[in-house]
Amino acid sequence: MAAKVAVIYYSATGNVYKLAQAIEEGAKEAGAEVRLRKVHELAPEEAIKSNQGWYDHALMTEDVPEAQLDDLEWADAYIFGTPTRFGNVSAQLKQFIDTAGGLWFQGKLADKVVGGFTSASNANGGQESTLLSMYNVFMHWGSIIVPNGYTDQSIFAAGGNPYGTSSTGTDEGPTEEELAVARYQGRRIAEKAQALVASRVA
């Protein structure tokens, strides 16, 4: 039975979306069934239209399904992505996470593999603190956090963040080195989830 992986993200101008796509690719390479989902946009339309990159990205990803709580219940593993917001999670992703209280109360978020990814506009823009703030949530859920660590050479080439995939996203988007780490993270999470699924069947 293939592991089921939910890649759930928020992206304003597209950098986190590109990382999410690479993570999806990596998880599929590992044989996982994957759901790529964006969370609901909270910003008013006027704010989105005031930034051409934000507006263009919103139009480009209209067909990406919005994340539902069912995606969390369905998954054996989930990987959450967000741009940094003052070293923390975006309001849009946090709002979705905050709706998961009912599933948490029923124990339906526990014992699932989880990781995170993020993007900021500069090398010290809060990527690590953003990932760690997400991991606080996952500890409350009882999830099994699987960081990248230093388990693959690609991590060093992309800047060496052991907590999860991170990008210093420019107008051109994540670098090839960052996308390589994202694909690796997708494979790594899917492989650990598959091992966990197999152990339950055995």
N, C-alpha and C. Protein backbone atom coordinates (compact mmCIF):
# COMPACT_ATOMS: atom_id res chain seq x y z
N MET A 1 0.85 -1.20 0.00
CA MET A 1 0.00 0.00 0.00
C MET A 1 0.89 1.24 0.00
N ALA A 2 0.66 2.14 -0.94
CA ALA A 2 1.46 3.37 -1.04
C ALA A 2 1.13 4.33 0.09
N ALA A 3 2.15 5.00 0.59
CA ALA A 3 1.94 6.03 1.60
C ALA A 3 1.20 7.20 0.97
N LYS A 4 0.38 7.87 1.78
CA LYS A 4 -0.40 9.03 1.32
C LYS A 4 0.19 10.29 1.95
N VAL A 5 0.59 11.21 1.10
CA VAL A 5 1.28 12.41 1.54
C VAL A 5 0.49 13.65 1.12
N ALA A 6 0.20 14.52 2.06
CA ALA A 6 -0.46 15.80 1.77
C ALA A 6 0.58 16.92 1.83
N VAL A 7 0.75 17.64 0.73
CA VAL A 7 1.63 18.80 0.68
C VAL A 7 0.73 20.03 0.74
N ILE A 8 0.76 20.73 1.85
CA ILE A 8 -0.18 21.83 2.12
C ILE A 8 0.63 23.10 2.31
N TYR A 9 0.29 24.15 1.55
CA TYR A 9 1.15 25.34 1.56
C TYR A 9 0.33 26.61 1.41
N TYR A 10 0.99 27.72 1.75
CA TYR A 10 0.52 29.04 1.35
C TYR A 10 1.65 29.72 0.60
N SER A 11 1.34 30.37 -0.50
CA SER A 11 2.32 31.11 -1.27
C SER A 11 1.67 32.37 -1.83
N ALA A 12 2.34 33.51 -1.66
CA ALA A 12 1.80 34.76 -2.19
C ALA A 12 2.26 34.97 -3.63
N THR A 13 3.56 34.98 -3.86
CA THR A 13 4.06 35.30 -5.20
C THR A 13 4.65 34.10 -5.93
N GLY A 14 4.66 32.92 -5.30
CA GLY A 14 5.00 31.71 -6.04
C GLY A 14 6.23 30.95 -5.61
N ASN A 15 7.08 31.51 -4.75
CA ASN A 15 8.29 30.79 -4.37
C ASN A 15 7.97 29.53 -3.57
N VAL A 16 7.09 29.64 -2.60
CA VAL A 16 6.72 28.47 -1.80
C VAL A 16 5.96 27.46 -2.66
N TYR A 17 5.17 27.94 -3.59
CA TYR A 17 4.45 27.05 -4.52
C TYR A 17 5.44 26.20 -5.32
N LYS A 18 6.51 26.82 -5.81
CA LYS A 18 7.51 26.07 -6.58
C LYS A 18 8.21 25.02 -5.72
N LEU A 19 8.47 25.37 -4.47
CA LEU A 19 9.03 24.37 -3.55
C LEU A 19 8.04 23.24 -3.33
N ALA A 20 6.76 23.58 -3.19
CA ALA A 20 5.72 22.57 -2.97
C ALA A 20 5.64 21.61 -4.15
N GLN A 21 5.75 22.15 -5.36
CA GLN A 21 5.72 21.29 -6.54
C GLN A 21 6.91 20.33 -6.55
N ALA A 22 8.09 20.82 -6.17
CA ALA A 22 9.27 19.97 -6.13
C ALA A 22 9.13 18.89 -5.04
N ILE A 23 8.56 19.25 -3.91
CA ILE A 23 8.32 18.27 -2.86
C ILE A 23 7.33 17.21 -3.34
N GLU A 24 6.30 17.65 -4.03
CA GLU A 24 5.34 16.71 -4.62
C GLU A 24 6.05 15.74 -5.55
N GLU A 25 6.93 16.26 -6.41
CA GLU A 25 7.68 15.41 -7.34
C GLU A 25 8.49 14.36 -6.59
N GLY A 26 9.19 14.80 -5.54
CA GLY A 26 10.02 13.88 -4.78
C GLY A 26 9.21 12.79 -4.10
N ALA A 27 8.07 13.15 -3.53
CA ALA A 27 7.22 12.16 -2.87
C ALA A 27 6.68 11.15 -3.87
N LYS A 28 6.32 11.63 -5.05
CA LYS A 28 5.83 10.71 -6.10
C LYS A 28 6.94 9.78 -6.57
N GLU A 29 8.17 10.30 -6.67
CA GLU A 29 9.31 9.47 -7.05
C GLU A 29 9.49 8.31 -6.07
N ALA A 30 9.14 8.55 -4.81
CA ALA A 30 9.26 7.52 -3.78
C ALA A 30 8.05 6.59 -3.75
N GLY A 31 7.11 6.80 -4.68
CA GLY A 31 5.96 5.91 -4.79
C GLY A 31 4.73 6.33 -4.01
N ALA A 32 4.74 7.53 -3.44
CA ALA A 32 3.61 7.98 -2.62
C ALA A 32 2.46 8.49 -3.48
N GLU A 33 1.27 8.40 -2.92
CA GLU A 33 0.09 9.08 -3.47
C GLU A 33 0.06 10.46 -2.83
N VAL A 34 -0.01 11.50 -3.64
CA VAL A 34 0.19 12.86 -3.13
C VAL A 34 -1.00 13.75 -3.44
N ARG A 35 -1.38 14.55 -2.45
CA ARG A 35 -2.34 15.63 -2.65
C ARG A 35 -1.61 16.95 -2.44
N LEU A 36 -1.55 17.78 -3.48
CA LEU A 36 -0.98 19.13 -3.38
C LEU A 36 -2.13 20.10 -3.15
N ARG A 37 -2.09 20.82 -2.05
CA ARG A 37 -3.19 21.69 -1.66
C ARG A 37 -2.70 23.04 -1.17
N LYS A 38 -3.37 24.11 -1.61
CA LYS A 38 -3.09 25.44 -1.07
C LYS A 38 -4.13 25.75 0.00
N VAL A 39 -3.76 26.61 0.94
CA VAL A 39 -4.74 27.02 1.94
C VAL A 39 -5.48 28.26 1.44
N HIS A 40 -6.58 28.56 2.07
CA HIS A 40 -7.45 29.66 1.64
C HIS A 40 -6.76 31.00 1.84
N GLU A 41 -6.90 31.87 0.86
CA GLU A 41 -6.35 33.23 0.92
C GLU A 41 -7.21 34.10 1.83
N LEU A 42 -6.58 34.82 2.75
CA LEU A 42 -7.30 35.69 3.67
C LEU A 42 -7.19 37.16 3.29
N ALA A 43 -6.20 37.52 2.48
CA ALA A 43 -5.97 38.93 2.14
C ALA A 43 -7.09 39.46 1.25
N PRO A 44 -7.45 40.72 1.40
CA PRO A 44 -8.48 41.29 0.53
C PRO A 44 -7.99 41.41 -0.90
N GLU A 45 -8.93 41.37 -1.84
CA GLU A 45 -8.60 41.41 -3.26
C GLU A 45 -7.82 42.67 -3.62
N GLU A 46 -8.13 43.79 -2.95
CA GLU A 46 -7.43 45.04 -3.26
C GLU A 46 -5.94 44.92 -2.95
N ALA A 47 -5.61 44.24 -1.85
CA ALA A 47 -4.21 44.07 -1.48
C ALA A 47 -3.50 43.19 -2.50
N ILE A 48 -4.16 42.13 -2.93
CA ILE A 48 -3.57 41.22 -3.90
C ILE A 48 -3.32 41.93 -5.22
N LYS A 49 -4.30 42.70 -5.67
CA LYS A 49 -4.16 43.41 -6.94
C LYS A 49 -3.12 44.52 -6.89
N SER A 50 -2.77 44.98 -5.71
CA SER A 50 -1.77 46.05 -5.58
C SER A 50 -0.35 45.54 -5.81
N ASN A 51 -0.16 44.22 -5.84
CA ASN A 51 1.15 43.60 -6.06
C ASN A 51 1.03 42.69 -7.27
N GLN A 52 1.66 43.06 -8.39
CA GLN A 52 1.47 42.33 -9.64
C GLN A 52 1.87 40.86 -9.52
N GLY A 53 2.97 40.60 -8.82
CA GLY A 53 3.41 39.22 -8.66
C GLY A 53 2.42 38.39 -7.87
N TRP A 54 1.86 38.97 -6.85
CA TRP A 54 0.85 38.29 -6.02
C TRP A 54 -0.40 38.00 -6.85
N TYR A 55 -0.84 39.01 -7.59
CA TYR A 55 -2.04 38.86 -8.41
C TYR A 55 -1.85 37.81 -9.51
N ASP A 56 -0.70 37.88 -10.17
CA ASP A 56 -0.42 36.91 -11.24
C ASP A 56 -0.39 35.48 -10.69
N HIS A 57 0.23 35.32 -9.54
CA HIS A 57 0.32 33.98 -8.95
C HIS A 57 -1.07 33.47 -8.55
N ALA A 58 -1.90 34.35 -8.01
CA ALA A 58 -3.26 33.95 -7.63
C ALA A 58 -4.03 33.44 -8.85
N LEU A 59 -3.88 34.12 -9.97
CA LEU A 59 -4.56 33.68 -11.20
C LEU A 59 -3.98 32.36 -11.70
N MET A 60 -2.66 32.22 -11.63
CA MET A 60 -1.99 31.04 -12.16
C MET A 60 -2.36 29.77 -11.39
N THR A 61 -2.68 29.91 -10.10
CA THR A 61 -2.93 28.73 -9.26
C THR A 61 -4.41 28.58 -8.89
N GLU A 62 -5.28 29.19 -9.70
CA GLU A 62 -6.72 29.09 -9.42
C GLU A 62 -7.20 27.64 -9.39
N ASP A 63 -6.56 26.78 -10.16
CA ASP A 63 -7.02 25.39 -10.25
C ASP A 63 -6.44 24.49 -9.16
N VAL A 64 -5.53 24.99 -8.35
CA VAL A 64 -4.99 24.17 -7.26
C VAL A 64 -6.07 24.05 -6.19
N PRO A 65 -6.46 22.83 -5.80
CA PRO A 65 -7.53 22.69 -4.79
C PRO A 65 -7.13 23.29 -3.44
N GLU A 66 -8.12 23.79 -2.73
CA GLU A 66 -7.86 24.31 -1.38
C GLU A 66 -7.84 23.16 -0.37
N ALA A 67 -6.95 23.28 0.58
CA ALA A 67 -6.81 22.27 1.63
C ALA A 67 -8.08 22.18 2.46
N GLN A 68 -8.43 20.94 2.81
CA GLN A 68 -9.56 20.66 3.68
C GLN A 68 -9.07 19.78 4.85
N LEU A 69 -9.80 19.76 5.92
CA LEU A 69 -9.41 18.92 7.05
C LEU A 69 -9.36 17.45 6.65
N ASP A 70 -10.17 17.08 5.68
CA ASP A 70 -10.15 15.70 5.18
C ASP A 70 -8.77 15.32 4.65
N ASP A 71 -8.03 16.27 4.12
CA ASP A 71 -6.69 15.98 3.61
C ASP A 71 -5.76 15.55 4.74
N LEU A 72 -5.93 16.14 5.92
CA LEU A 72 -5.12 15.76 7.07
C LEU A 72 -5.50 14.36 7.57
N GLU A 73 -6.79 14.10 7.61
CA GLU A 73 -7.24 12.79 8.08
C GLU A 73 -6.83 11.70 7.10
N TRP A 74 -6.85 12.00 5.81
CA TRP A 74 -6.51 11.05 4.77
C TRP A 74 -5.04 10.66 4.78
N ALA A 75 -4.17 11.61 5.09
CA ALA A 75 -2.74 11.46 4.89
C ALA A 75 -2.07 10.58 5.95
N ASP A 76 -1.02 9.88 5.51
CA ASP A 76 -0.08 9.22 6.42
C ASP A 76 1.03 10.19 6.81
N ALA A 77 1.23 11.19 5.98
CA ALA A 77 2.27 12.19 6.23
C ALA A 77 1.82 13.51 5.63
N TYR A 78 2.27 14.60 6.23
CA TYR A 78 1.99 15.91 5.65
C TYR A 78 3.23 16.78 5.75
N ILE A 79 3.35 17.65 4.75
CA ILE A 79 4.47 18.58 4.67
C ILE A 79 3.86 19.96 4.45
N PHE A 80 4.13 20.88 5.39
CA PHE A 80 3.52 22.20 5.35
C PHE A 80 4.54 23.25 4.90
N GLY A 81 4.10 24.16 4.03
CA GLY A 81 4.97 25.21 3.54
C GLY A 81 4.37 26.59 3.71
N THR A 82 5.23 27.56 3.99
CA THR A 82 4.78 28.93 4.20
C THR A 82 5.93 29.90 3.96
N PRO A 83 5.64 31.10 3.46
CA PRO A 83 6.66 32.14 3.52
C PRO A 83 6.84 32.57 4.97
N THR A 84 7.99 33.14 5.29
CA THR A 84 8.16 33.65 6.64
C THR A 84 7.40 34.96 6.79
N ARG A 85 6.83 35.15 7.96
CA ARG A 85 6.17 36.40 8.30
C ARG A 85 6.73 36.84 9.65
N PHE A 86 7.75 37.71 9.60
CA PHE A 86 8.44 38.13 10.81
C PHE A 86 8.96 36.92 11.59
N GLY A 87 9.54 35.97 10.87
CA GLY A 87 10.10 34.78 11.49
C GLY A 87 9.07 33.78 11.96
N ASN A 88 7.86 33.89 11.44
CA ASN A 88 6.78 33.02 11.89
C ASN A 88 5.96 32.58 10.68
N VAL A 89 4.94 31.78 10.96
CA VAL A 89 4.08 31.22 9.92
C VAL A 89 3.12 32.29 9.39
N SER A 90 2.81 32.22 8.11
CA SER A 90 1.84 33.15 7.54
C SER A 90 0.47 32.97 8.18
N ALA A 91 -0.30 34.05 8.21
CA ALA A 91 -1.65 33.99 8.80
C ALA A 91 -2.52 32.97 8.07
N GLN A 92 -2.33 32.86 6.76
CA GLN A 92 -3.18 31.97 5.97
C GLN A 92 -2.97 30.51 6.37
N LEU A 93 -1.70 30.09 6.50
CA LEU A 93 -1.44 28.71 6.90
C LEU A 93 -1.84 28.49 8.36
N LYS A 94 -1.57 29.46 9.20
CA LYS A 94 -1.92 29.33 10.62
C LYS A 94 -3.42 29.20 10.80
N GLN A 95 -4.19 29.93 10.00
CA GLN A 95 -5.65 29.85 10.11
C GLN A 95 -6.12 28.43 9.80
N PHE A 96 -5.54 27.82 8.76
CA PHE A 96 -5.92 26.44 8.44
C PHE A 96 -5.53 25.51 9.58
N ILE A 97 -4.32 25.65 10.09
CA ILE A 97 -3.87 24.79 11.19
C ILE A 97 -4.80 24.93 12.38
N ASP A 98 -5.25 26.16 12.65
CA ASP A 98 -6.10 26.40 13.82
C ASP A 98 -7.48 25.75 13.70
N THR A 99 -7.88 25.39 12.49
CA THR A 99 -9.17 24.72 12.33
C THR A 99 -9.09 23.23 12.61
N ALA A 100 -7.88 22.72 12.86
CA ALA A 100 -7.68 21.27 13.02
C ALA A 100 -7.89 20.79 14.46
N GLY A 101 -8.41 21.65 15.31
CA GLY A 101 -8.57 21.28 16.71
C GLY A 101 -9.44 20.05 16.92
N GLY A 102 -10.50 19.91 16.13
CA GLY A 102 -11.38 18.76 16.28
C GLY A 102 -10.66 17.46 15.97
N LEU A 103 -9.86 17.45 14.90
CA LEU A 103 -9.09 16.25 14.56
C LEU A 103 -8.06 15.96 15.64
N TRP A 104 -7.41 16.99 16.14
CA TRP A 104 -6.43 16.81 17.23
C TRP A 104 -7.10 16.19 18.45
N PHE A 105 -8.27 16.70 18.82
CA PHE A 105 -8.97 16.21 20.00
C PHE A 105 -9.31 14.73 19.87
N GLN A 106 -9.60 14.30 18.65
CA GLN A 106 -9.92 12.89 18.40
C GLN A 106 -8.68 12.02 18.21
N GLY A 107 -7.49 12.62 18.28
CA GLY A 107 -6.26 11.87 18.11
C GLY A 107 -5.95 11.51 16.67
N LYS A 108 -6.59 12.18 15.72
CA LYS A 108 -6.43 11.79 14.31
C LYS A 108 -5.24 12.45 13.62
N LEU A 109 -4.51 13.28 14.35
CA LEU A 109 -3.31 13.90 13.78
C LEU A 109 -2.04 13.28 14.34
N ALA A 110 -2.18 12.41 15.31
CA ALA A 110 -1.02 11.81 15.97
C ALA A 110 -0.42 10.71 15.12
N ASP A 111 0.87 10.46 15.37
CA ASP A 111 1.58 9.32 14.77
C ASP A 111 1.61 9.38 13.25
N LYS A 112 1.66 10.58 12.71
CA LYS A 112 1.84 10.76 11.27
C LYS A 112 3.13 11.53 11.04
N VAL A 113 3.82 11.18 9.96
CA VAL A 113 5.10 11.81 9.64
C VAL A 113 4.85 13.24 9.14
N VAL A 114 5.71 14.18 9.54
CA VAL A 114 5.49 15.57 9.17
C VAL A 114 6.81 16.30 9.00
N GLY A 115 6.82 17.28 8.10
CA GLY A 115 7.96 18.17 7.91
C GLY A 115 7.48 19.52 7.43
N GLY A 116 8.41 20.47 7.27
CA GLY A 116 8.02 21.81 6.84
C GLY A 116 9.01 22.41 5.87
N PHE A 117 8.56 23.43 5.14
CA PHE A 117 9.43 24.16 4.21
C PHE A 117 9.00 25.61 4.17
N THR A 118 9.94 26.48 3.77
CA THR A 118 9.66 27.91 3.85
C THR A 118 10.53 28.71 2.89
N SER A 119 10.21 29.99 2.78
CA SER A 119 10.98 30.89 1.93
C SER A 119 10.96 32.29 2.53
N ALA A 120 12.09 32.97 2.42
CA ALA A 120 12.19 34.38 2.81
C ALA A 120 13.05 35.08 1.77
N SER A 121 13.07 36.39 1.81
CA SER A 121 13.75 37.13 0.75
C SER A 121 15.25 37.29 0.98
N ASN A 122 15.75 36.89 2.15
CA ASN A 122 17.20 36.96 2.36
C ASN A 122 17.64 35.82 3.28
N ALA A 123 18.93 35.63 3.35
CA ALA A 123 19.49 34.44 4.00
C ALA A 123 19.21 34.37 5.50
N ASN A 124 19.00 35.50 6.14
CA ASN A 124 18.71 35.52 7.57
C ASN A 124 17.33 36.10 7.83
N GLY A 125 16.38 35.69 7.00
CA GLY A 125 15.04 36.26 7.06
C GLY A 125 14.06 35.53 7.95
N GLY A 126 14.54 34.58 8.76
CA GLY A 126 13.65 33.91 9.70
C GLY A 126 13.22 32.52 9.27
N GLN A 127 13.93 31.92 8.31
CA GLN A 127 13.53 30.60 7.84
C GLN A 127 13.52 29.56 8.97
N GLU A 128 14.60 29.53 9.75
CA GLU A 128 14.70 28.50 10.79
C GLU A 128 13.64 28.70 11.87
N SER A 129 13.42 29.94 12.30
CA SER A 129 12.41 30.17 13.35
C SER A 129 11.01 29.88 12.83
N THR A 130 10.77 30.10 11.54
CA THR A 130 9.47 29.78 10.95
C THR A 130 9.23 28.28 11.00
N LEU A 131 10.23 27.49 10.61
CA LEU A 131 10.10 26.03 10.66
C LEU A 131 9.92 25.54 12.09
N LEU A 132 10.70 26.09 13.01
CA LEU A 132 10.58 25.66 14.40
C LEU A 132 9.22 26.01 14.99
N SER A 133 8.65 27.15 14.58
CA SER A 133 7.32 27.50 15.08
C SER A 133 6.27 26.51 14.59
N MET A 134 6.42 26.02 13.34
CA MET A 134 5.52 24.98 12.85
C MET A 134 5.70 23.70 13.65
N TYR A 135 6.94 23.38 13.98
CA TYR A 135 7.22 22.12 14.68
C TYR A 135 6.64 22.12 16.09
N ASN A 136 6.49 23.32 16.68
CA ASN A 136 5.78 23.39 17.97
C ASN A 136 4.37 22.83 17.84
N VAL A 137 3.69 23.18 16.76
CA VAL A 137 2.34 22.68 16.51
C VAL A 137 2.36 21.16 16.39
N PHE A 138 3.30 20.66 15.61
CA PHE A 138 3.35 19.22 15.34
C PHE A 138 3.64 18.41 16.60
N MET A 139 4.39 18.99 17.53
CA MET A 139 4.62 18.31 18.80
C MET A 139 3.32 18.22 19.60
N HIS A 140 2.52 19.26 19.55
CA HIS A 140 1.22 19.21 20.21
C HIS A 140 0.32 18.16 19.57
N TRP A 141 0.43 18.01 18.27
CA TRP A 141 -0.38 17.01 17.56
C TRP A 141 0.07 15.59 17.86
N GLY A 142 1.32 15.42 18.31
CA GLY A 142 1.86 14.07 18.48
C GLY A 142 2.36 13.49 17.18
N SER A 143 2.70 14.35 16.24
CA SER A 143 3.22 13.90 14.94
C SER A 143 4.67 13.46 15.08
N ILE A 144 5.15 12.77 14.07
CA ILE A 144 6.53 12.30 14.04
C ILE A 144 7.32 13.22 13.12
N ILE A 145 8.04 14.16 13.70
CA ILE A 145 8.74 15.18 12.93
C ILE A 145 9.98 14.55 12.28
N VAL A 146 10.08 14.70 10.97
CA VAL A 146 11.24 14.19 10.23
C VAL A 146 11.92 15.38 9.56
N PRO A 147 12.96 15.92 10.20
CA PRO A 147 13.70 17.02 9.58
C PRO A 147 14.64 16.50 8.51
N ASN A 148 15.15 17.41 7.70
CA ASN A 148 16.13 16.99 6.70
C ASN A 148 17.45 16.60 7.34
N GLY A 149 17.80 17.28 8.45
CA GLY A 149 19.10 17.04 9.04
C GLY A 149 20.19 17.31 8.01
N TYR A 150 21.29 16.60 8.16
CA TYR A 150 22.36 16.66 7.16
C TYR A 150 22.49 15.27 6.54
N THR A 151 21.37 14.79 6.00
CA THR A 151 21.29 13.41 5.52
C THR A 151 21.52 13.27 4.03
N ASP A 152 21.81 14.38 3.34
CA ASP A 152 22.04 14.33 1.91
C ASP A 152 22.93 15.50 1.52
N GLN A 153 23.82 15.26 0.55
CA GLN A 153 24.76 16.30 0.15
C GLN A 153 24.07 17.53 -0.42
N SER A 154 22.87 17.35 -0.99
CA SER A 154 22.16 18.48 -1.57
C SER A 154 21.85 19.56 -0.54
N ILE A 155 21.71 19.17 0.72
CA ILE A 155 21.38 20.13 1.78
C ILE A 155 22.50 21.15 1.96
N PHE A 156 23.75 20.68 1.88
CA PHE A 156 24.89 21.59 2.01
C PHE A 156 24.94 22.56 0.83
N ALA A 157 24.67 22.06 -0.35
CA ALA A 157 24.73 22.89 -1.55
C ALA A 157 23.69 24.01 -1.53
N ALA A 158 22.58 23.78 -0.80
CA ALA A 158 21.49 24.75 -0.76
C ALA A 158 21.54 25.67 0.45
N GLY A 159 22.63 25.62 1.22
CA GLY A 159 22.76 26.53 2.36
C GLY A 159 22.80 25.86 3.70
N GLY A 160 22.48 24.57 3.78
CA GLY A 160 22.71 23.81 5.00
C GLY A 160 21.66 23.93 6.08
N ASN A 161 20.40 24.14 5.74
CA ASN A 161 19.35 24.22 6.76
C ASN A 161 18.90 22.81 7.14
N PRO A 162 19.15 22.36 8.38
CA PRO A 162 18.77 21.00 8.76
C PRO A 162 17.30 20.84 9.14
N TYR A 163 16.58 21.94 9.33
CA TYR A 163 15.21 21.88 9.84
C TYR A 163 14.19 21.54 8.76
N GLY A 164 14.49 21.90 7.53
CA GLY A 164 13.57 21.67 6.42
C GLY A 164 14.04 22.47 5.22
N THR A 165 13.37 22.28 4.11
CA THR A 165 13.74 23.03 2.90
C THR A 165 13.48 24.51 3.11
N SER A 166 14.44 25.33 2.72
CA SER A 166 14.23 26.78 2.79
C SER A 166 14.86 27.43 1.57
N SER A 167 14.26 28.55 1.20
CA SER A 167 14.70 29.29 0.02
C SER A 167 14.90 30.75 0.36
N THR A 168 15.83 31.38 -0.33
CA THR A 168 15.96 32.83 -0.24
C THR A 168 15.34 33.44 -1.49
N GLY A 169 14.14 32.96 -1.79
CA GLY A 169 13.41 33.25 -3.01
C GLY A 169 13.59 34.63 -3.59
N THR A 170 14.06 34.68 -4.81
CA THR A 170 14.21 35.92 -5.55
C THR A 170 13.06 36.02 -6.56
N ASP A 171 13.12 37.05 -7.40
CA ASP A 171 12.10 37.18 -8.45
C ASP A 171 12.12 36.00 -9.41
N GLU A 172 13.28 35.35 -9.51
CA GLU A 172 13.41 34.18 -10.39
C GLU A 172 12.92 32.90 -9.71
N GLY A 173 12.62 32.96 -8.42
CA GLY A 173 12.15 31.79 -7.71
C GLY A 173 13.29 31.05 -7.04
N PRO A 174 13.00 29.90 -6.42
CA PRO A 174 14.05 29.12 -5.76
C PRO A 174 15.14 28.69 -6.74
N THR A 175 16.35 28.53 -6.22
CA THR A 175 17.45 28.06 -7.05
C THR A 175 17.30 26.57 -7.33
N GLU A 176 18.07 26.08 -8.29
CA GLU A 176 18.06 24.65 -8.59
C GLU A 176 18.53 23.84 -7.38
N GLU A 177 19.47 24.38 -6.61
CA GLU A 177 19.94 23.69 -5.41
C GLU A 177 18.83 23.58 -4.37
N GLU A 178 18.06 24.65 -4.22
CA GLU A 178 16.94 24.62 -3.26
C GLU A 178 15.85 23.66 -3.72
N LEU A 179 15.57 23.63 -5.01
CA LEU A 179 14.56 22.71 -5.53
C LEU A 179 15.02 21.26 -5.38
N ALA A 180 16.32 21.02 -5.50
CA ALA A 180 16.85 19.67 -5.31
C ALA A 180 16.61 19.20 -3.88
N VAL A 181 16.78 20.10 -2.91
CA VAL A 181 16.52 19.75 -1.51
C VAL A 181 15.02 19.48 -1.31
N ALA A 182 14.19 20.28 -1.94
CA ALA A 182 12.75 20.08 -1.83
C ALA A 182 12.35 18.69 -2.35
N ARG A 183 12.90 18.31 -3.49
CA ARG A 183 12.61 16.97 -4.02
C ARG A 183 13.12 15.90 -3.06
N TYR A 184 14.30 16.13 -2.50
CA TYR A 184 14.84 15.18 -1.52
C TYR A 184 13.92 15.08 -0.30
N GLN A 185 13.45 16.22 0.20
CA GLN A 185 12.56 16.20 1.36
C GLN A 185 11.28 15.43 1.06
N GLY A 186 10.73 15.63 -0.13
CA GLY A 186 9.54 14.88 -0.51
C GLY A 186 9.79 13.38 -0.49
N ARG A 187 10.93 12.96 -1.05
CA ARG A 187 11.27 11.53 -1.03
C ARG A 187 11.47 11.03 0.39
N ARG A 188 12.19 11.80 1.19
CA ARG A 188 12.51 11.39 2.56
C ARG A 188 11.24 11.21 3.39
N ILE A 189 10.35 12.18 3.34
CA ILE A 189 9.10 12.09 4.09
C ILE A 189 8.27 10.90 3.61
N ALA A 190 8.17 10.74 2.30
CA ALA A 190 7.38 9.64 1.75
C ALA A 190 7.95 8.29 2.16
N GLU A 191 9.28 8.17 2.14
CA GLU A 191 9.91 6.90 2.51
C GLU A 191 9.67 6.57 3.99
N LYS A 192 9.78 7.56 4.86
CA LYS A 192 9.53 7.32 6.29
C LYS A 192 8.06 6.98 6.52
N ALA A 193 7.18 7.65 5.81
CA ALA A 193 5.75 7.34 5.94
C ALA A 193 5.46 5.93 5.45
N GLN A 194 6.10 5.54 4.35
CA GLN A 194 5.90 4.20 3.82
C GLN A 194 6.37 3.14 4.82
N ALA A 195 7.49 3.39 5.46
CA ALA A 195 7.99 2.44 6.47
C ALA A 195 7.01 2.33 7.63
N LEU A 196 6.41 3.46 8.02
CA LEU A 196 5.46 3.45 9.12
C LEU A 196 4.18 2.69 8.72
N VAL A 197 3.71 2.93 7.50
CA VAL A 197 2.53 2.22 7.01
C VAL A 197 2.79 0.72 6.98
N ALA A 198 3.96 0.34 6.49
CA ALA A 198 4.31 -1.08 6.40
C ALA A 198 4.38 -1.74 7.78
N SER A 199 4.86 -0.99 8.76
CA SER A 199 4.97 -1.55 10.11
C SER A 199 3.60 -1.81 10.74
N ARG A 200 2.63 -1.02 10.33
CA ARG A 200 1.28 -1.20 10.88
C ARG A 200 0.58 -2.39 10.23
N VAL A 201 0.96 -2.67 8.98
CA VAL A 201 0.35 -3.79 8.27
C VAL A 201 0.96 -5.12 8.72
N ALA A 202 2.25 -5.06 9.06
CA ALA A 202 2.99 -6.28 9.39
C ALA A 202 2.45 -6.96 10.66
